[in-house]
Amino acid sequence: MAIRSIKSPTVITPTAVVSSSVINKPQSIRFSLKPTAATTLAVHNRGPSFYGTGSNLKLKLTKFRCSASALSPQLKDTLEKLVSSEKVVLFMKGNKDFPMCGFSNTVVQILKNLNVPFEDVNILENELLRQGLKEYSNWPTFPQLYIGGEFFGGCDITIEAFKSGELQEAVERAMCS
């Protein structure tokens, strides 16, 4: 059974309105969705489940957590080879020529400002890579910067290291090794 995750900046509180006395026909049910707060929802591919009767019919939303690891031994090996084969690697949304989020763009601009040659990897092209990389680095967000085969940090850490001069030192050490 496939599960599709829907990320939304709002909690969706459904209210079902039954337009006929036959509850078994999905086309006879209309939903009014009202946003109220932040959450992540998961929906089965077979459709939502319902509970209640008559005019009290409600949509039951279920949260799912996947406990399986996205970081397979093959993916871990591939990531280790990639981060060790290049001096500077940036896992980002988009690529260095077309960043697809502001945080990724910020790190790209910092690296370009320092004239650092770097390999960019678009994590939006592969969901398994995206999830596995979060486990590999033990860092939940993107971009993720690797220098000299080691995880350096995300956008905030990179900005602070750039301001303090630590980033330039780390890059110079990696380039000379």
N, C-alpha and C. Protein backbone atom coordinates (compact mmCIF):
# COMPACT_ATOMS: atom_id res chain seq x y z
N MET A 1 0.83 -1.16 0.00
CA MET A 1 0.00 0.00 0.00
C MET A 1 0.88 1.24 0.00
N ALA A 2 0.70 2.14 -0.93
CA ALA A 2 1.50 3.35 -1.02
C ALA A 2 0.88 4.43 -0.15
N ILE A 3 1.73 5.22 0.47
CA ILE A 3 1.27 6.34 1.27
C ILE A 3 1.87 7.59 0.68
N ARG A 4 1.05 8.60 0.52
CA ARG A 4 1.50 9.86 -0.04
C ARG A 4 1.47 10.90 1.08
N SER A 5 2.56 11.60 1.31
CA SER A 5 2.62 12.62 2.34
C SER A 5 2.26 13.96 1.74
N ILE A 6 1.47 14.71 2.46
CA ILE A 6 1.08 16.04 2.03
C ILE A 6 1.57 17.00 3.10
N LYS A 7 2.51 17.88 2.73
CA LYS A 7 2.98 18.86 3.69
C LYS A 7 2.22 20.15 3.45
N SER A 8 1.74 20.72 4.49
CA SER A 8 0.92 21.89 4.39
C SER A 8 1.25 22.84 5.52
N PRO A 9 1.24 24.14 5.29
CA PRO A 9 1.53 25.06 6.38
C PRO A 9 0.37 25.20 7.35
N THR A 10 -0.71 24.50 7.06
CA THR A 10 -1.88 24.61 7.93
C THR A 10 -2.47 23.25 8.23
N VAL A 11 -3.09 23.14 9.40
CA VAL A 11 -3.84 21.93 9.72
C VAL A 11 -5.15 22.05 8.98
N ILE A 12 -5.59 20.98 8.38
CA ILE A 12 -6.83 21.03 7.64
C ILE A 12 -7.89 20.33 8.47
N THR A 13 -8.88 21.09 8.86
CA THR A 13 -9.98 20.53 9.63
C THR A 13 -11.13 20.30 8.67
N PRO A 14 -11.41 19.05 8.31
CA PRO A 14 -12.46 18.78 7.34
C PRO A 14 -13.85 18.76 7.97
N THR A 15 -14.78 19.22 7.21
CA THR A 15 -16.18 19.11 7.58
C THR A 15 -16.89 18.49 6.39
N ALA A 16 -17.52 17.37 6.58
CA ALA A 16 -18.17 16.68 5.47
C ALA A 16 -19.62 17.08 5.39
N VAL A 17 -20.11 17.25 4.18
CA VAL A 17 -21.51 17.55 3.96
C VAL A 17 -22.04 16.45 3.05
N VAL A 18 -23.05 15.74 3.50
CA VAL A 18 -23.61 14.65 2.73
C VAL A 18 -24.75 15.21 1.91
N SER A 19 -24.65 15.06 0.59
CA SER A 19 -25.66 15.64 -0.29
C SER A 19 -26.74 14.64 -0.69
N SER A 20 -26.61 13.38 -0.25
CA SER A 20 -27.68 12.42 -0.49
C SER A 20 -27.69 11.43 0.66
N SER A 21 -28.67 10.60 0.73
CA SER A 21 -28.77 9.65 1.83
C SER A 21 -27.86 8.45 1.62
N VAL A 22 -27.26 8.31 0.42
CA VAL A 22 -26.36 7.20 0.15
C VAL A 22 -24.94 7.62 0.51
N ILE A 23 -24.39 7.04 1.57
CA ILE A 23 -23.07 7.41 2.05
C ILE A 23 -21.97 6.68 1.29
N ASN A 24 -22.27 5.57 0.66
CA ASN A 24 -21.26 4.76 -0.01
C ASN A 24 -20.73 5.37 -1.31
N LYS A 25 -21.39 6.40 -1.83
CA LYS A 25 -20.93 7.02 -3.07
C LYS A 25 -20.04 8.22 -2.75
N PRO A 26 -18.74 8.13 -3.06
CA PRO A 26 -17.84 9.25 -2.77
C PRO A 26 -18.24 10.55 -3.45
N GLN A 27 -18.88 10.46 -4.65
CA GLN A 27 -19.26 11.68 -5.34
C GLN A 27 -20.40 12.41 -4.64
N SER A 28 -21.05 11.78 -3.67
CA SER A 28 -22.14 12.43 -2.97
C SER A 28 -21.66 13.16 -1.72
N ILE A 29 -20.35 13.19 -1.50
CA ILE A 29 -19.81 13.83 -0.31
C ILE A 29 -18.93 15.00 -0.73
N ARG A 30 -19.11 16.12 -0.08
CA ARG A 30 -18.35 17.33 -0.38
C ARG A 30 -17.62 17.75 0.89
N PHE A 31 -16.39 18.20 0.77
CA PHE A 31 -15.61 18.57 1.95
C PHE A 31 -15.30 20.05 1.93
N SER A 32 -15.45 20.65 3.07
CA SER A 32 -15.04 22.02 3.27
C SER A 32 -13.81 21.96 4.17
N LEU A 33 -12.64 22.37 3.65
CA LEU A 33 -11.41 22.28 4.41
C LEU A 33 -11.05 23.64 4.96
N LYS A 34 -10.86 23.71 6.28
CA LYS A 34 -10.55 24.97 6.94
C LYS A 34 -9.17 24.90 7.57
N PRO A 35 -8.22 25.76 7.15
CA PRO A 35 -6.88 25.74 7.74
C PRO A 35 -6.89 26.31 9.16
N THR A 36 -6.10 25.66 10.08
CA THR A 36 -6.03 26.16 11.44
C THR A 36 -4.64 26.23 12.04
N ALA A 37 -3.67 25.33 11.69
CA ALA A 37 -2.31 25.36 12.27
C ALA A 37 -1.39 24.47 11.45
N ALA A 38 -0.09 24.47 11.73
CA ALA A 38 0.89 23.71 10.93
C ALA A 38 0.85 22.22 11.25
N THR A 39 1.01 21.38 10.20
CA THR A 39 1.05 19.93 10.38
C THR A 39 1.51 19.24 9.12
N THR A 40 1.70 17.96 9.21
CA THR A 40 1.96 17.10 8.06
C THR A 40 0.89 16.03 8.06
N LEU A 41 0.26 15.81 6.93
CA LEU A 41 -0.79 14.82 6.82
C LEU A 41 -0.37 13.72 5.87
N ALA A 42 -0.87 12.53 6.09
CA ALA A 42 -0.59 11.43 5.18
C ALA A 42 -1.93 10.84 4.75
N VAL A 43 -2.04 10.50 3.48
CA VAL A 43 -3.28 9.97 2.94
C VAL A 43 -2.98 8.66 2.23
N HIS A 44 -3.80 7.64 2.48
CA HIS A 44 -3.63 6.37 1.78
C HIS A 44 -3.99 6.56 0.32
N ASN A 45 -3.41 5.77 -0.57
CA ASN A 45 -3.74 5.89 -1.98
C ASN A 45 -5.14 5.37 -2.27
N ARG A 46 -5.75 4.65 -1.34
CA ARG A 46 -7.10 4.14 -1.56
C ARG A 46 -8.16 5.14 -1.12
N GLY A 47 -7.72 6.27 -0.59
CA GLY A 47 -8.66 7.32 -0.21
C GLY A 47 -8.79 7.44 1.29
N PRO A 48 -9.40 8.53 1.76
CA PRO A 48 -9.55 8.74 3.18
C PRO A 48 -10.62 7.82 3.77
N SER A 49 -10.58 7.61 5.08
CA SER A 49 -11.61 6.81 5.73
C SER A 49 -12.60 7.74 6.41
N PHE A 50 -13.80 7.26 6.58
CA PHE A 50 -14.86 8.07 7.14
C PHE A 50 -15.38 7.41 8.42
N TYR A 51 -15.87 8.20 9.32
CA TYR A 51 -16.56 7.66 10.49
C TYR A 51 -17.74 8.56 10.79
N GLY A 52 -18.66 8.05 11.58
CA GLY A 52 -19.88 8.78 11.88
C GLY A 52 -21.00 8.37 10.96
N THR A 53 -22.18 8.88 11.19
CA THR A 53 -23.33 8.55 10.35
C THR A 53 -24.09 9.81 9.99
N GLY A 54 -24.81 9.75 8.89
CA GLY A 54 -25.69 10.84 8.48
C GLY A 54 -24.98 12.16 8.39
N SER A 55 -25.56 13.20 8.99
CA SER A 55 -24.99 14.54 8.91
C SER A 55 -23.76 14.70 9.80
N ASN A 56 -23.46 13.70 10.66
CA ASN A 56 -22.29 13.75 11.51
C ASN A 56 -21.08 13.08 10.87
N LEU A 57 -21.18 12.76 9.58
CA LEU A 57 -20.09 12.08 8.88
C LEU A 57 -18.85 12.97 8.86
N LYS A 58 -17.71 12.45 9.29
CA LYS A 58 -16.47 13.23 9.35
C LYS A 58 -15.36 12.44 8.67
N LEU A 59 -14.39 13.16 8.16
CA LEU A 59 -13.20 12.57 7.55
C LEU A 59 -12.19 12.33 8.65
N LYS A 60 -11.67 11.12 8.74
CA LYS A 60 -10.67 10.77 9.75
C LYS A 60 -9.29 10.89 9.12
N LEU A 61 -8.47 11.81 9.64
CA LEU A 61 -7.12 12.00 9.15
C LEU A 61 -6.18 11.27 10.07
N THR A 62 -5.21 10.59 9.49
CA THR A 62 -4.28 9.79 10.26
C THR A 62 -2.87 10.23 9.97
N LYS A 63 -2.08 10.40 11.01
CA LYS A 63 -0.66 10.71 10.83
C LYS A 63 0.11 9.40 10.80
N PHE A 64 1.05 9.31 9.87
CA PHE A 64 1.88 8.12 9.76
C PHE A 64 3.33 8.52 9.96
N ARG A 65 4.07 7.69 10.62
CA ARG A 65 5.52 7.88 10.75
C ARG A 65 6.18 6.63 10.22
N CYS A 66 7.07 6.84 9.31
CA CYS A 66 7.78 5.71 8.73
C CYS A 66 9.04 5.46 9.55
N SER A 67 9.15 4.28 10.11
CA SER A 67 10.31 3.98 10.95
C SER A 67 11.44 3.33 10.15
N ALA A 68 11.18 3.01 8.91
CA ALA A 68 12.22 2.37 8.09
C ALA A 68 13.28 3.40 7.73
N SER A 69 14.52 2.97 7.68
CA SER A 69 15.62 3.86 7.35
C SER A 69 15.70 4.07 5.85
N ALA A 70 15.87 5.33 5.46
CA ALA A 70 16.04 5.65 4.04
C ALA A 70 17.50 5.51 3.63
N LEU A 71 18.39 5.39 4.62
CA LEU A 71 19.82 5.30 4.33
C LEU A 71 20.23 3.83 4.21
N SER A 72 20.15 3.33 2.99
CA SER A 72 20.56 1.95 2.73
C SER A 72 22.09 1.88 2.72
N PRO A 73 22.66 0.69 2.88
CA PRO A 73 24.13 0.57 2.80
C PRO A 73 24.68 1.06 1.46
N GLN A 74 23.95 0.82 0.38
CA GLN A 74 24.41 1.27 -0.94
C GLN A 74 24.42 2.80 -1.01
N LEU A 75 23.35 3.44 -0.49
CA LEU A 75 23.28 4.89 -0.52
C LEU A 75 24.37 5.49 0.37
N LYS A 76 24.59 4.89 1.53
CA LYS A 76 25.64 5.38 2.43
C LYS A 76 27.01 5.31 1.75
N ASP A 77 27.27 4.21 1.06
CA ASP A 77 28.54 4.04 0.35
C ASP A 77 28.68 5.09 -0.76
N THR A 78 27.61 5.32 -1.50
CA THR A 78 27.61 6.32 -2.57
C THR A 78 27.87 7.71 -2.01
N LEU A 79 27.21 8.06 -0.91
CA LEU A 79 27.41 9.38 -0.30
C LEU A 79 28.83 9.55 0.21
N GLU A 80 29.37 8.51 0.84
CA GLU A 80 30.75 8.58 1.33
C GLU A 80 31.74 8.80 0.18
N LYS A 81 31.52 8.10 -0.94
CA LYS A 81 32.40 8.27 -2.10
C LYS A 81 32.28 9.68 -2.67
N LEU A 82 31.05 10.19 -2.75
CA LEU A 82 30.83 11.51 -3.32
C LEU A 82 31.46 12.61 -2.47
N VAL A 83 31.21 12.60 -1.15
CA VAL A 83 31.74 13.68 -0.32
C VAL A 83 33.26 13.59 -0.16
N SER A 84 33.83 12.40 -0.33
CA SER A 84 35.29 12.29 -0.22
C SER A 84 36.00 12.51 -1.55
N SER A 85 35.28 12.41 -2.66
CA SER A 85 35.91 12.58 -3.97
C SER A 85 36.06 14.05 -4.37
N GLU A 86 35.29 14.92 -3.75
CA GLU A 86 35.36 16.36 -4.06
C GLU A 86 35.76 17.12 -2.79
N LYS A 87 36.46 18.21 -2.95
CA LYS A 87 36.89 19.02 -1.80
C LYS A 87 35.71 19.71 -1.12
N VAL A 88 34.78 20.23 -1.93
CA VAL A 88 33.60 20.93 -1.40
C VAL A 88 32.37 20.43 -2.15
N VAL A 89 31.39 19.95 -1.40
CA VAL A 89 30.14 19.45 -1.99
C VAL A 89 28.98 20.13 -1.29
N LEU A 90 28.04 20.63 -2.08
CA LEU A 90 26.85 21.27 -1.54
C LEU A 90 25.62 20.50 -2.00
N PHE A 91 24.93 19.89 -1.05
CA PHE A 91 23.65 19.25 -1.32
C PHE A 91 22.60 20.33 -1.12
N MET A 92 21.88 20.62 -2.19
CA MET A 92 21.01 21.79 -2.18
C MET A 92 19.73 21.56 -2.97
N LYS A 93 18.81 22.48 -2.84
CA LYS A 93 17.59 22.48 -3.65
C LYS A 93 17.90 23.28 -4.90
N GLY A 94 17.90 22.60 -6.03
CA GLY A 94 18.29 23.21 -7.29
C GLY A 94 19.76 22.95 -7.55
N ASN A 95 20.36 23.82 -8.37
CA ASN A 95 21.79 23.69 -8.64
C ASN A 95 22.44 25.07 -8.52
N LYS A 96 23.77 25.12 -8.63
CA LYS A 96 24.47 26.39 -8.41
C LYS A 96 24.08 27.46 -9.42
N ASP A 97 23.62 27.06 -10.60
CA ASP A 97 23.18 28.04 -11.60
C ASP A 97 21.73 28.46 -11.41
N PHE A 98 20.95 27.61 -10.72
CA PHE A 98 19.53 27.91 -10.50
C PHE A 98 19.09 27.34 -9.15
N PRO A 99 19.50 28.01 -8.05
CA PRO A 99 19.06 27.55 -6.73
C PRO A 99 17.55 27.69 -6.61
N MET A 100 16.92 26.71 -5.96
CA MET A 100 15.47 26.70 -5.87
C MET A 100 14.95 27.01 -4.46
N CYS A 101 15.80 27.55 -3.60
CA CYS A 101 15.34 28.09 -2.32
C CYS A 101 16.33 29.15 -1.87
N GLY A 102 15.89 30.04 -1.04
CA GLY A 102 16.72 31.15 -0.59
C GLY A 102 17.93 30.71 0.21
N PHE A 103 17.77 29.66 1.03
CA PHE A 103 18.89 29.18 1.84
C PHE A 103 19.99 28.60 0.95
N SER A 104 19.58 27.81 -0.03
CA SER A 104 20.55 27.25 -0.98
C SER A 104 21.24 28.38 -1.74
N ASN A 105 20.48 29.36 -2.17
CA ASN A 105 21.04 30.49 -2.90
C ASN A 105 22.06 31.24 -2.05
N THR A 106 21.77 31.41 -0.76
CA THR A 106 22.69 32.11 0.13
C THR A 106 24.03 31.40 0.20
N VAL A 107 24.02 30.08 0.38
CA VAL A 107 25.26 29.32 0.48
C VAL A 107 26.01 29.36 -0.85
N VAL A 108 25.29 29.25 -1.96
CA VAL A 108 25.93 29.33 -3.28
C VAL A 108 26.63 30.67 -3.44
N GLN A 109 25.96 31.76 -3.06
CA GLN A 109 26.55 33.09 -3.20
C GLN A 109 27.79 33.26 -2.32
N ILE A 110 27.76 32.67 -1.12
CA ILE A 110 28.93 32.73 -0.23
C ILE A 110 30.10 32.00 -0.87
N LEU A 111 29.85 30.79 -1.37
CA LEU A 111 30.93 30.00 -1.99
C LEU A 111 31.47 30.69 -3.24
N LYS A 112 30.58 31.29 -4.03
CA LYS A 112 31.02 32.02 -5.22
C LYS A 112 31.83 33.25 -4.83
N ASN A 113 31.42 33.92 -3.75
CA ASN A 113 32.14 35.09 -3.26
C ASN A 113 33.56 34.74 -2.87
N LEU A 114 33.75 33.54 -2.30
CA LEU A 114 35.09 33.07 -1.91
C LEU A 114 35.85 32.42 -3.06
N ASN A 115 35.22 32.36 -4.26
CA ASN A 115 35.81 31.70 -5.43
C ASN A 115 36.15 30.24 -5.17
N VAL A 116 35.24 29.57 -4.47
CA VAL A 116 35.44 28.16 -4.13
C VAL A 116 34.83 27.28 -5.22
N PRO A 117 35.64 26.42 -5.85
CA PRO A 117 35.04 25.45 -6.78
C PRO A 117 34.33 24.38 -5.95
N PHE A 118 33.08 24.09 -6.31
CA PHE A 118 32.32 23.10 -5.54
C PHE A 118 31.40 22.30 -6.44
N GLU A 119 31.13 21.10 -5.98
CA GLU A 119 30.19 20.20 -6.65
C GLU A 119 28.82 20.44 -6.04
N ASP A 120 27.81 20.62 -6.88
CA ASP A 120 26.45 20.79 -6.37
C ASP A 120 25.62 19.55 -6.69
N VAL A 121 24.77 19.16 -5.75
CA VAL A 121 23.89 18.01 -5.93
C VAL A 121 22.47 18.47 -5.62
N ASN A 122 21.58 18.34 -6.61
CA ASN A 122 20.19 18.73 -6.45
C ASN A 122 19.42 17.61 -5.74
N ILE A 123 19.06 17.85 -4.48
CA ILE A 123 18.37 16.82 -3.70
C ILE A 123 16.89 16.70 -4.08
N LEU A 124 16.39 17.63 -4.86
CA LEU A 124 14.98 17.57 -5.28
C LEU A 124 14.76 16.53 -6.37
N GLU A 125 15.82 16.08 -6.99
CA GLU A 125 15.69 15.11 -8.07
C GLU A 125 15.51 13.68 -7.58
N ASN A 126 15.80 13.43 -6.31
CA ASN A 126 15.74 12.06 -5.80
C ASN A 126 15.31 12.08 -4.34
N GLU A 127 14.08 11.68 -4.07
CA GLU A 127 13.53 11.70 -2.71
C GLU A 127 14.28 10.75 -1.78
N LEU A 128 14.72 9.61 -2.30
CA LEU A 128 15.47 8.66 -1.48
C LEU A 128 16.81 9.28 -1.04
N LEU A 129 17.47 9.97 -1.95
CA LEU A 129 18.71 10.67 -1.61
C LEU A 129 18.43 11.73 -0.55
N ARG A 130 17.38 12.47 -0.73
CA ARG A 130 17.03 13.55 0.20
C ARG A 130 16.82 13.02 1.61
N GLN A 131 16.04 11.95 1.74
CA GLN A 131 15.77 11.38 3.06
C GLN A 131 17.00 10.69 3.64
N GLY A 132 17.73 9.96 2.81
CA GLY A 132 18.92 9.26 3.26
C GLY A 132 20.01 10.21 3.72
N LEU A 133 20.13 11.34 3.05
CA LEU A 133 21.15 12.33 3.41
C LEU A 133 20.87 12.94 4.77
N LYS A 134 19.60 13.09 5.11
CA LYS A 134 19.24 13.61 6.45
C LYS A 134 19.77 12.68 7.53
N GLU A 135 19.68 11.37 7.30
CA GLU A 135 20.20 10.40 8.26
C GLU A 135 21.73 10.36 8.22
N TYR A 136 22.29 10.42 7.04
CA TYR A 136 23.76 10.34 6.88
C TYR A 136 24.45 11.47 7.64
N SER A 137 23.93 12.67 7.52
CA SER A 137 24.55 13.83 8.16
C SER A 137 24.01 14.11 9.56
N ASN A 138 22.90 13.48 9.88
CA ASN A 138 22.19 13.75 11.13
C ASN A 138 21.81 15.24 11.19
N TRP A 139 21.40 15.76 10.04
CA TRP A 139 21.01 17.17 9.89
C TRP A 139 19.72 17.19 9.09
N PRO A 140 18.64 17.78 9.63
CA PRO A 140 17.32 17.63 9.00
C PRO A 140 17.01 18.55 7.83
N THR A 141 17.82 19.57 7.60
CA THR A 141 17.45 20.56 6.58
C THR A 141 18.51 20.68 5.49
N PHE A 142 18.14 21.39 4.43
CA PHE A 142 19.03 21.65 3.30
C PHE A 142 19.10 23.14 3.08
N PRO A 143 20.24 23.62 2.62
CA PRO A 143 21.39 22.93 2.05
C PRO A 143 22.27 22.31 3.14
N GLN A 144 23.13 21.38 2.69
CA GLN A 144 24.13 20.76 3.55
C GLN A 144 25.48 20.89 2.85
N LEU A 145 26.42 21.49 3.54
CA LEU A 145 27.74 21.74 2.97
C LEU A 145 28.76 20.78 3.57
N TYR A 146 29.51 20.12 2.68
CA TYR A 146 30.59 19.22 3.08
C TYR A 146 31.90 19.81 2.59
N ILE A 147 32.87 19.87 3.50
CA ILE A 147 34.19 20.39 3.16
C ILE A 147 35.23 19.36 3.58
N GLY A 148 36.07 18.94 2.65
CA GLY A 148 37.11 17.96 2.95
C GLY A 148 36.54 16.63 3.42
N GLY A 149 35.42 16.24 2.89
CA GLY A 149 34.80 14.96 3.23
C GLY A 149 34.02 14.96 4.52
N GLU A 150 33.93 16.10 5.21
CA GLU A 150 33.23 16.20 6.49
C GLU A 150 32.05 17.16 6.38
N PHE A 151 30.97 16.84 7.10
CA PHE A 151 29.82 17.73 7.13
C PHE A 151 30.22 19.02 7.84
N PHE A 152 29.99 20.15 7.17
CA PHE A 152 30.33 21.45 7.74
C PHE A 152 29.13 22.09 8.41
N GLY A 153 27.98 22.08 7.72
CA GLY A 153 26.78 22.68 8.30
C GLY A 153 25.78 23.09 7.26
N GLY A 154 24.72 23.71 7.74
CA GLY A 154 23.66 24.23 6.89
C GLY A 154 23.88 25.71 6.60
N CYS A 155 22.82 26.38 6.23
CA CYS A 155 22.92 27.78 5.83
C CYS A 155 23.36 28.68 6.98
N ASP A 156 22.73 28.56 8.14
CA ASP A 156 23.06 29.45 9.27
C ASP A 156 24.51 29.29 9.72
N ILE A 157 24.97 28.04 9.81
CA ILE A 157 26.35 27.79 10.21
C ILE A 157 27.31 28.35 9.17
N THR A 158 26.98 28.17 7.90
CA THR A 158 27.83 28.68 6.82
C THR A 158 27.92 30.20 6.86
N ILE A 159 26.80 30.86 7.11
CA ILE A 159 26.80 32.33 7.20
C ILE A 159 27.70 32.79 8.34
N GLU A 160 27.53 32.19 9.51
CA GLU A 160 28.34 32.58 10.67
C GLU A 160 29.83 32.31 10.43
N ALA A 161 30.13 31.15 9.83
CA ALA A 161 31.53 30.81 9.55
C ALA A 161 32.13 31.75 8.51
N PHE A 162 31.33 32.18 7.56
CA PHE A 162 31.78 33.14 6.55
C PHE A 162 32.11 34.48 7.21
N LYS A 163 31.22 34.93 8.08
CA LYS A 163 31.43 36.22 8.77
C LYS A 163 32.68 36.20 9.65
N SER A 164 32.93 35.06 10.30
CA SER A 164 34.07 34.97 11.22
C SER A 164 35.39 34.63 10.52
N GLY A 165 35.33 34.21 9.25
CA GLY A 165 36.53 33.81 8.53
C GLY A 165 36.83 32.31 8.65
N GLU A 166 36.07 31.61 9.47
CA GLU A 166 36.28 30.17 9.67
C GLU A 166 36.02 29.38 8.39
N LEU A 167 35.03 29.78 7.61
CA LEU A 167 34.70 29.07 6.37
C LEU A 167 35.88 29.13 5.40
N GLN A 168 36.45 30.30 5.22
CA GLN A 168 37.57 30.44 4.30
C GLN A 168 38.76 29.59 4.75
N GLU A 169 38.99 29.54 6.06
CA GLU A 169 40.08 28.70 6.59
C GLU A 169 39.83 27.23 6.32
N ALA A 170 38.60 26.79 6.54
CA ALA A 170 38.25 25.38 6.32
C ALA A 170 38.40 25.01 4.85
N VAL A 171 37.97 25.90 3.97
CA VAL A 171 38.08 25.65 2.53
C VAL A 171 39.55 25.61 2.11
N GLU A 172 40.35 26.53 2.61
CA GLU A 172 41.78 26.55 2.27
C GLU A 172 42.48 25.28 2.74
N ARG A 173 42.16 24.80 3.96
CA ARG A 173 42.74 23.54 4.45
C ARG A 173 42.35 22.38 3.55
N ALA A 174 41.08 22.34 3.13
CA ALA A 174 40.61 21.25 2.27
C ALA A 174 41.27 21.30 0.89
N MET A 175 41.44 22.49 0.34
CA MET A 175 42.04 22.63 -0.98
C MET A 175 43.52 22.25 -0.98
N CYS A 176 44.18 22.48 0.13
CA CYS A 176 45.62 22.17 0.23
C CYS A 176 45.90 20.72 0.59
N SER A 177 44.89 20.00 1.00
CA SER A 177 45.13 18.59 1.41
C SER A 177 45.06 17.65 0.24
